[in-house]
């Protein structure tokens, strides 16, 4: 495969030798609304209130950082006893938040692998939920290296989790392209000298990879 020297917007110059994926909403669809829209029977306002005030993104991030689900659920249910059953659903019915892959993205991953491009991942994901996801979606086992936040106790955009990839798998930041749907994570990657692509769909990603000469 031909590595190119196309710079990303505001990114470093130099050829890209490896591609580093985020997983949630890049390769797999993930949104608690897929579950809670059913639980709340379509009451969008009540659902959004619950997700903003009870099972918040900050609460969920601590599971991504490694907090056990049993502890997370018990602590939150004690704080919001009237919502205990709803809180337990976040853990027990978690896979219902992942309805499918992101259309077109797994095919891009396979195409990169088929061309011999090293592929890696850095993902904010609880360790046990990642294990469940890998069982359902076996392609998640096909990376040349992966850093799962729940396994290392670090979350993006902390630079330290990127260094786990660099150091653990000898990935050179200036020769790698990082793909994520989060602007904060993209900024962190750029600060570390990586090329970056802010993911907004498989078509745009494929076009970017073609410009880099990777597809």
C-alpha atoms as a PDB file:
ATOM      1  CA  UNK A   1       0.000   0.000   0.000  1.00  0.00           C
ATOM      2  CA  UNK A   2       1.139   3.546  -0.664  1.00  0.00           C
ATOM      3  CA  UNK A   3       1.498   5.901   2.267  1.00  0.00           C
ATOM      4  CA  UNK A   4       0.951   9.536   1.357  1.00  0.00           C
ATOM      5  CA  UNK A   5       2.080  12.870   2.703  1.00  0.00           C
ATOM      6  CA  UNK A   6      -1.246  14.674   2.732  1.00  0.00           C
ATOM      7  CA  UNK A   7      -1.572  16.788   5.897  1.00  0.00           C
ATOM      8  CA  UNK A   8      -4.796  16.772   7.837  1.00  0.00           C
ATOM      9  CA  UNK A   9      -6.351  20.127   8.582  1.00  0.00           C
ATOM     10  CA  UNK A  10      -3.930  21.815  10.936  1.00  0.00           C
ATOM     11  CA  UNK A  11      -2.109  18.510  11.421  1.00  0.00           C
ATOM     12  CA  UNK A  12       1.491  17.418  10.990  1.00  0.00           C
ATOM     13  CA  UNK A  13       3.208  16.851   7.672  1.00  0.00           C
ATOM     14  CA  UNK A  14       4.552  13.412   6.854  1.00  0.00           C
ATOM     15  CA  UNK A  15       3.325  10.098   5.584  1.00  0.00           C
ATOM     16  CA  UNK A  16       0.767   8.089   7.508  1.00  0.00           C
ATOM     17  CA  UNK A  17       1.802   4.536   8.327  1.00  0.00           C
ATOM     18  CA  UNK A  18      -1.022   3.483  10.686  1.00  0.00           C
ATOM     19  CA  UNK A  19      -4.666   4.263  11.405  1.00  0.00           C
ATOM     20  CA  UNK A  20      -6.058   4.560  14.942  1.00  0.00           C
ATOM     21  CA  UNK A  21      -9.817   4.202  15.390  1.00  0.00           C
ATOM     22  CA  UNK A  22     -12.250   5.247  18.048  1.00  0.00           C
ATOM     23  CA  UNK A  23     -15.017   2.622  18.351  1.00  0.00           C
ATOM     24  CA  UNK A  24     -18.195   4.178  19.760  1.00  0.00           C
ATOM     25  CA  UNK A  25     -20.079   6.031  16.991  1.00  0.00           C
ATOM     26  CA  UNK A  26     -17.236   5.396  14.580  1.00  0.00           C
ATOM     27  CA  UNK A  27     -17.446   1.617  14.224  1.00  0.00           C
ATOM     28  CA  UNK A  28     -20.379   0.801  16.512  1.00  0.00           C
ATOM     29  CA  UNK A  29     -23.530   2.843  17.022  1.00  0.00           C
ATOM     30  CA  UNK A  30     -23.921   3.688  20.705  1.00  0.00           C
ATOM     31  CA  UNK A  31     -26.512   5.853  22.394  1.00  0.00           C
ATOM     32  CA  UNK A  32     -28.457   5.190  25.614  1.00  0.00           C
ATOM     33  CA  UNK A  33     -31.488   6.670  23.854  1.00  0.00           C
ATOM     34  CA  UNK A  34     -31.810   3.486  21.822  1.00  0.00           C
ATOM     35  CA  UNK A  35     -32.747   1.788  25.101  1.00  0.00           C
ATOM     36  CA  UNK A  36     -34.459   4.550  27.061  1.00  0.00           C
ATOM     37  CA  UNK A  37     -36.692   5.713  24.222  1.00  0.00           C
ATOM     38  CA  UNK A  38     -38.377   2.319  24.564  1.00  0.00           C
ATOM     39  CA  UNK A  39     -38.384   2.396  28.369  1.00  0.00           C
ATOM     40  CA  UNK A  40     -39.912   5.886  28.478  1.00  0.00           C
ATOM     41  CA  UNK A  41     -42.399   4.910  25.757  1.00  0.00           C
ATOM     42  CA  UNK A  42     -41.369   7.760  23.507  1.00  0.00           C
ATOM     43  CA  UNK A  43     -41.559  10.518  26.138  1.00  0.00           C
ATOM     44  CA  UNK A  44     -38.532  12.430  24.866  1.00  0.00           C
ATOM     45  CA  UNK A  45     -38.612  15.138  27.528  1.00  0.00           C
ATOM     46  CA  UNK A  46     -38.690  12.672  30.415  1.00  0.00           C
ATOM     47  CA  UNK A  47     -35.969  10.557  28.825  1.00  0.00           C
ATOM     48  CA  UNK A  48     -33.692  13.540  28.269  1.00  0.00           C
ATOM     49  CA  UNK A  49     -34.248  14.697  31.839  1.00  0.00           C
ATOM     50  CA  UNK A  50     -33.270  11.271  33.171  1.00  0.00           C
ATOM     51  CA  UNK A  51     -30.123  11.118  31.030  1.00  0.00           C
ATOM     52  CA  UNK A  52     -29.135  14.654  31.996  1.00  0.00           C
ATOM     53  CA  UNK A  53     -29.779  14.344  35.721  1.00  0.00           C
ATOM     54  CA  UNK A  54     -29.470  10.680  36.724  1.00  0.00           C
ATOM     55  CA  UNK A  55     -27.533   8.408  34.328  1.00  0.00           C
ATOM     56  CA  UNK A  56     -25.382  11.288  33.130  1.00  0.00           C
ATOM     57  CA  UNK A  57     -22.444  11.143  30.706  1.00  0.00           C
ATOM     58  CA  UNK A  58     -20.124  11.920  33.630  1.00  0.00           C
ATOM     59  CA  UNK A  59     -21.503   8.960  35.612  1.00  0.00           C
ATOM     60  CA  UNK A  60     -21.081   6.652  32.629  1.00  0.00           C
ATOM     61  CA  UNK A  61     -17.542   7.901  32.008  1.00  0.00           C
ATOM     62  CA  UNK A  62     -16.460   6.513  35.372  1.00  0.00           C
ATOM     63  CA  UNK A  63     -17.374   3.018  34.169  1.00  0.00           C
ATOM     64  CA  UNK A  64     -15.278   3.721  31.084  1.00  0.00           C
ATOM     65  CA  UNK A  65     -12.495   4.641  33.516  1.00  0.00           C
ATOM     66  CA  UNK A  66     -12.818   1.268  35.240  1.00  0.00           C
ATOM     67  CA  UNK A  67     -15.419   1.653  37.997  1.00  0.00           C
ATOM     68  CA  UNK A  68     -17.299  -1.656  38.406  1.00  0.00           C
ATOM     69  CA  UNK A  69     -20.867  -1.572  37.178  1.00  0.00           C
ATOM     70  CA  UNK A  70     -22.234  -3.074  40.392  1.00  0.00           C
ATOM     71  CA  UNK A  71     -20.696  -0.235  42.387  1.00  0.00           C
ATOM     72  CA  UNK A  72     -21.865   2.396  39.909  1.00  0.00           C
ATOM     73  CA  UNK A  73     -25.452   1.147  39.926  1.00  0.00           C
ATOM     74  CA  UNK A  74     -25.634   0.706  43.701  1.00  0.00           C
ATOM     75  CA  UNK A  75     -24.247   4.178  44.402  1.00  0.00           C
ATOM     76  CA  UNK A  76     -26.567   5.923  41.962  1.00  0.00           C
ATOM     77  CA  UNK A  77     -29.617   3.912  43.009  1.00  0.00           C
ATOM     78  CA  UNK A  78     -28.997   4.950  46.601  1.00  0.00           C
ATOM     79  CA  UNK A  79     -28.979   8.582  45.486  1.00  0.00           C
ATOM     80  CA  UNK A  80     -32.082   8.186  43.283  1.00  0.00           C
ATOM     81  CA  UNK A  81     -34.065   5.300  44.833  1.00  0.00           C
ATOM     82  CA  UNK A  82     -37.166   6.067  42.786  1.00  0.00           C
ATOM     83  CA  UNK A  83     -35.097   5.465  39.643  1.00  0.00           C
ATOM     84  CA  UNK A  84     -33.387   2.272  40.775  1.00  0.00           C
ATOM     85  CA  UNK A  85     -34.953   0.069  38.110  1.00  0.00           C
ATOM     86  CA  UNK A  86     -34.149   2.586  35.384  1.00  0.00           C
ATOM     87  CA  UNK A  87     -30.564   2.790  36.578  1.00  0.00           C
ATOM     88  CA  UNK A  88     -30.147  -0.991  36.611  1.00  0.00           C
ATOM     89  CA  UNK A  89     -31.336  -1.083  33.009  1.00  0.00           C
ATOM     90  CA  UNK A  90     -28.302   0.957  31.977  1.00  0.00           C
ATOM     91  CA  UNK A  91     -26.151  -1.981  33.056  1.00  0.00           C
ATOM     92  CA  UNK A  92     -28.386  -4.992  32.473  1.00  0.00           C
ATOM     93  CA  UNK A  93     -29.716  -3.895  29.082  1.00  0.00           C
ATOM     94  CA  UNK A  94     -26.584  -2.111  27.915  1.00  0.00           C
ATOM     95  CA  UNK A  95     -26.329  -4.002  24.630  1.00  0.00           C
ATOM     96  CA  UNK A  96     -29.665  -2.503  23.570  1.00  0.00           C
ATOM     97  CA  UNK A  97     -27.799   0.797  23.354  1.00  0.00           C
ATOM     98  CA  UNK A  98     -25.714  -0.693  20.535  1.00  0.00           C
ATOM     99  CA  UNK A  99     -28.234  -1.500  17.787  1.00  0.00           C
ATOM    100  CA  UNK A 100     -25.736  -2.085  14.999  1.00  0.00           C
ATOM    101  CA  UNK A 101     -22.470  -1.079  13.383  1.00  0.00           C
ATOM    102  CA  UNK A 102     -21.975   2.370  11.893  1.00  0.00           C
ATOM    103  CA  UNK A 103     -22.871   1.805   8.217  1.00  0.00           C
ATOM    104  CA  UNK A 104     -19.786   1.440   6.049  1.00  0.00           C
ATOM    105  CA  UNK A 105     -17.182   1.724   8.798  1.00  0.00           C
ATOM    106  CA  UNK A 106     -16.341  -1.958   9.411  1.00  0.00           C
ATOM    107  CA  UNK A 107     -15.848  -2.337   5.656  1.00  0.00           C
ATOM    108  CA  UNK A 108     -13.303   0.499   5.737  1.00  0.00           C
ATOM    109  CA  UNK A 109     -11.472  -1.224   8.580  1.00  0.00           C
ATOM    110  CA  UNK A 110     -11.361  -4.475   6.606  1.00  0.00           C
ATOM    111  CA  UNK A 111     -10.212  -2.668   3.461  1.00  0.00           C
ATOM    112  CA  UNK A 112      -7.317  -1.087   5.377  1.00  0.00           C
ATOM    113  CA  UNK A 113      -6.319  -4.462   6.780  1.00  0.00           C
ATOM    114  CA  UNK A 114      -6.539  -5.974   3.317  1.00  0.00           C
ATOM    115  CA  UNK A 115      -4.043  -3.406   2.072  1.00  0.00           C
ATOM    116  CA  UNK A 116      -1.655  -4.163   4.904  1.00  0.00           C
ATOM    117  CA  UNK A 117      -2.222  -0.915   6.814  1.00  0.00           C
ATOM    118  CA  UNK A 118      -1.652  -1.395  10.568  1.00  0.00           C
ATOM    119  CA  UNK A 119      -4.889  -0.607  12.421  1.00  0.00           C
ATOM    120  CA  UNK A 120      -5.236   0.247  16.106  1.00  0.00           C
ATOM    121  CA  UNK A 121      -7.921   1.548  18.444  1.00  0.00           C
ATOM    122  CA  UNK A 122      -8.178   3.766  21.508  1.00  0.00           C
ATOM    123  CA  UNK A 123     -11.640   3.550  23.006  1.00  0.00           C
ATOM    124  CA  UNK A 124     -13.505   4.852  26.032  1.00  0.00           C
ATOM    125  CA  UNK A 125     -15.274   1.618  26.932  1.00  0.00           C
ATOM    126  CA  UNK A 126     -15.878  -0.302  30.145  1.00  0.00           C
ATOM    127  CA  UNK A 127     -13.900  -3.534  30.126  1.00  0.00           C
ATOM    128  CA  UNK A 128     -16.839  -5.903  30.543  1.00  0.00           C
ATOM    129  CA  UNK A 129     -19.071  -4.112  28.040  1.00  0.00           C
ATOM    130  CA  UNK A 130     -16.240  -4.204  25.522  1.00  0.00           C
ATOM    131  CA  UNK A 131     -15.959  -7.951  26.054  1.00  0.00           C
ATOM    132  CA  UNK A 132     -19.704  -8.296  25.346  1.00  0.00           C
ATOM    133  CA  UNK A 133     -19.415  -6.118  22.243  1.00  0.00           C
ATOM    134  CA  UNK A 134     -16.473  -8.113  20.956  1.00  0.00           C
ATOM    135  CA  UNK A 135     -18.514 -11.307  21.254  1.00  0.00           C
ATOM    136  CA  UNK A 136     -21.304  -9.796  19.177  1.00  0.00           C
ATOM    137  CA  UNK A 137     -19.013  -8.010  16.722  1.00  0.00           C
ATOM    138  CA  UNK A 138     -15.948 -10.229  16.140  1.00  0.00           C
ATOM    139  CA  UNK A 139     -14.264  -7.675  13.878  1.00  0.00           C
ATOM    140  CA  UNK A 140     -13.344  -5.787  17.074  1.00  0.00           C
ATOM    141  CA  UNK A 141     -10.759  -8.503  17.640  1.00  0.00           C
ATOM    142  CA  UNK A 142      -8.944  -7.666  14.437  1.00  0.00           C
ATOM    143  CA  UNK A 143      -6.843  -4.686  15.505  1.00  0.00           C
ATOM    144  CA  UNK A 144      -3.064  -4.836  15.620  1.00  0.00           C
ATOM    145  CA  UNK A 145      -3.340  -3.234  19.052  1.00  0.00           C
ATOM    146  CA  UNK A 146      -6.062  -1.711  21.182  1.00  0.00           C
ATOM    147  CA  UNK A 147      -6.225   0.372  24.354  1.00  0.00           C
ATOM    148  CA  UNK A 148      -9.527   0.023  26.226  1.00  0.00           C
ATOM    149  CA  UNK A 149     -10.018   2.751  28.814  1.00  0.00           C
ATOM    150  CA  UNK A 150     -11.693   0.489  31.351  1.00  0.00           C
ATOM    151  CA  UNK A 151      -8.709  -1.858  31.278  1.00  0.00           C
ATOM    152  CA  UNK A 152      -6.066   0.829  31.828  1.00  0.00           C
ATOM    153  CA  UNK A 153      -7.952   3.257  34.093  1.00  0.00           C
ATOM    154  CA  UNK A 154      -7.561   6.204  31.720  1.00  0.00           C
ATOM    155  CA  UNK A 155     -10.029   7.931  29.399  1.00  0.00           C
ATOM    156  CA  UNK A 156      -9.741  10.142  26.358  1.00  0.00           C
ATOM    157  CA  UNK A 157      -8.935  12.980  25.946  1.00  0.00           C
ATOM    158  CA  UNK A 158      -6.247  12.424  28.613  1.00  0.00           C
ATOM    159  CA  UNK A 159      -2.923  12.343  26.778  1.00  0.00           C
ATOM    160  CA  UNK A 160      -1.848   9.428  28.957  1.00  0.00           C
ATOM    161  CA  UNK A 161      -4.176   6.969  27.218  1.00  0.00           C
ATOM    162  CA  UNK A 162      -2.672   7.895  23.849  1.00  0.00           C
ATOM    163  CA  UNK A 163       0.787   7.239  25.253  1.00  0.00           C
ATOM    164  CA  UNK A 164      -0.356   3.744  26.217  1.00  0.00           C
ATOM    165  CA  UNK A 165      -0.823   3.101  22.511  1.00  0.00           C
ATOM    166  CA  UNK A 166       2.380   4.820  21.434  1.00  0.00           C
ATOM    167  CA  UNK A 167       4.520   3.048  24.007  1.00  0.00           C
ATOM    168  CA  UNK A 168       2.758  -0.303  24.042  1.00  0.00           C
ATOM    169  CA  UNK A 169       2.606  -0.810  20.283  1.00  0.00           C
ATOM    170  CA  UNK A 170       5.436   1.425  19.038  1.00  0.00           C
ATOM    171  CA  UNK A 171       3.068   3.712  17.184  1.00  0.00           C
ATOM    172  CA  UNK A 172       4.661   6.981  16.071  1.00  0.00           C
ATOM    173  CA  UNK A 173       2.227   9.886  16.516  1.00  0.00           C
ATOM    174  CA  UNK A 174       3.477  11.779  13.456  1.00  0.00           C
ATOM    175  CA  UNK A 175       2.981   8.708  11.272  1.00  0.00           C
ATOM    176  CA  UNK A 176      -0.522   7.815  12.452  1.00  0.00           C
ATOM    177  CA  UNK A 177      -4.032   9.022  11.632  1.00  0.00           C
ATOM    178  CA  UNK A 178      -6.508   9.213  14.524  1.00  0.00           C
ATOM    179  CA  UNK A 179     -10.243   8.935  13.815  1.00  0.00           C
ATOM    180  CA  UNK A 180     -12.838  10.009  16.397  1.00  0.00           C
ATOM    181  CA  UNK A 181     -16.280  11.599  16.537  1.00  0.00           C
ATOM    182  CA  UNK A 182     -15.320  13.779  19.539  1.00  0.00           C
ATOM    183  CA  UNK A 183     -13.757  17.188  18.929  1.00  0.00           C
ATOM    184  CA  UNK A 184     -12.033  17.071  22.325  1.00  0.00           C
ATOM    185  CA  UNK A 185     -10.372  13.775  21.462  1.00  0.00           C
ATOM    186  CA  UNK A 186      -9.341  15.057  18.040  1.00  0.00           C
ATOM    187  CA  UNK A 187      -7.727  18.086  19.681  1.00  0.00           C
ATOM    188  CA  UNK A 188      -5.826  15.861  22.090  1.00  0.00           C
ATOM    189  CA  UNK A 189      -4.511  13.756  19.220  1.00  0.00           C
ATOM    190  CA  UNK A 190      -3.405  16.864  17.318  1.00  0.00           C
ATOM    191  CA  UNK A 191      -1.641  18.175  20.423  1.00  0.00           C
ATOM    192  CA  UNK A 192       0.329  14.940  20.478  1.00  0.00           C
ATOM    193  CA  UNK A 193       1.365  15.317  16.853  1.00  0.00           C
ATOM    194  CA  UNK A 194      -1.047  12.892  15.218  1.00  0.00           C
ATOM    195  CA  UNK A 195      -2.857  13.417  11.949  1.00  0.00           C
ATOM    196  CA  UNK A 196      -6.580  13.437  12.679  1.00  0.00           C
ATOM    197  CA  UNK A 197      -9.979  13.024  11.086  1.00  0.00           C
ATOM    198  CA  UNK A 198     -13.169  14.192  12.803  1.00  0.00           C
ATOM    199  CA  UNK A 199     -15.581  11.390  11.949  1.00  0.00           C
ATOM    200  CA  UNK A 200     -18.992  12.326  10.577  1.00  0.00           C
ATOM    201  CA  UNK A 201     -19.744   9.267   8.463  1.00  0.00           C
ATOM    202  CA  UNK A 202     -18.090   6.489   6.508  1.00  0.00           C
ATOM    203  CA  UNK A 203     -18.173   8.310   3.175  1.00  0.00           C
ATOM    204  CA  UNK A 204     -16.131  11.213   4.499  1.00  0.00           C
ATOM    205  CA  UNK A 205     -13.693   8.863   6.200  1.00  0.00           C
ATOM    206  CA  UNK A 206     -13.165   6.834   3.053  1.00  0.00           C
ATOM    207  CA  UNK A 207     -12.501  10.021   1.097  1.00  0.00           C
ATOM    208  CA  UNK A 208      -9.948  11.171   3.679  1.00  0.00           C
ATOM    209  CA  UNK A 209      -8.184   7.813   3.644  1.00  0.00           C
ATOM    210  CA  UNK A 210      -8.029   7.938  -0.159  1.00  0.00           C
ATOM    211  CA  UNK A 211      -6.376  11.368   0.044  1.00  0.00           C
ATOM    212  CA  UNK A 212      -3.772   9.875   2.363  1.00  0.00           C
ATOM    213  CA  UNK A 213      -3.183   7.116  -0.164  1.00  0.00           C
ATOM    214  CA  UNK A 214      -4.299   4.459   2.302  1.00  0.00           C
ATOM    215  CA  UNK A 215      -7.292   3.262   0.253  1.00  0.00           C
END
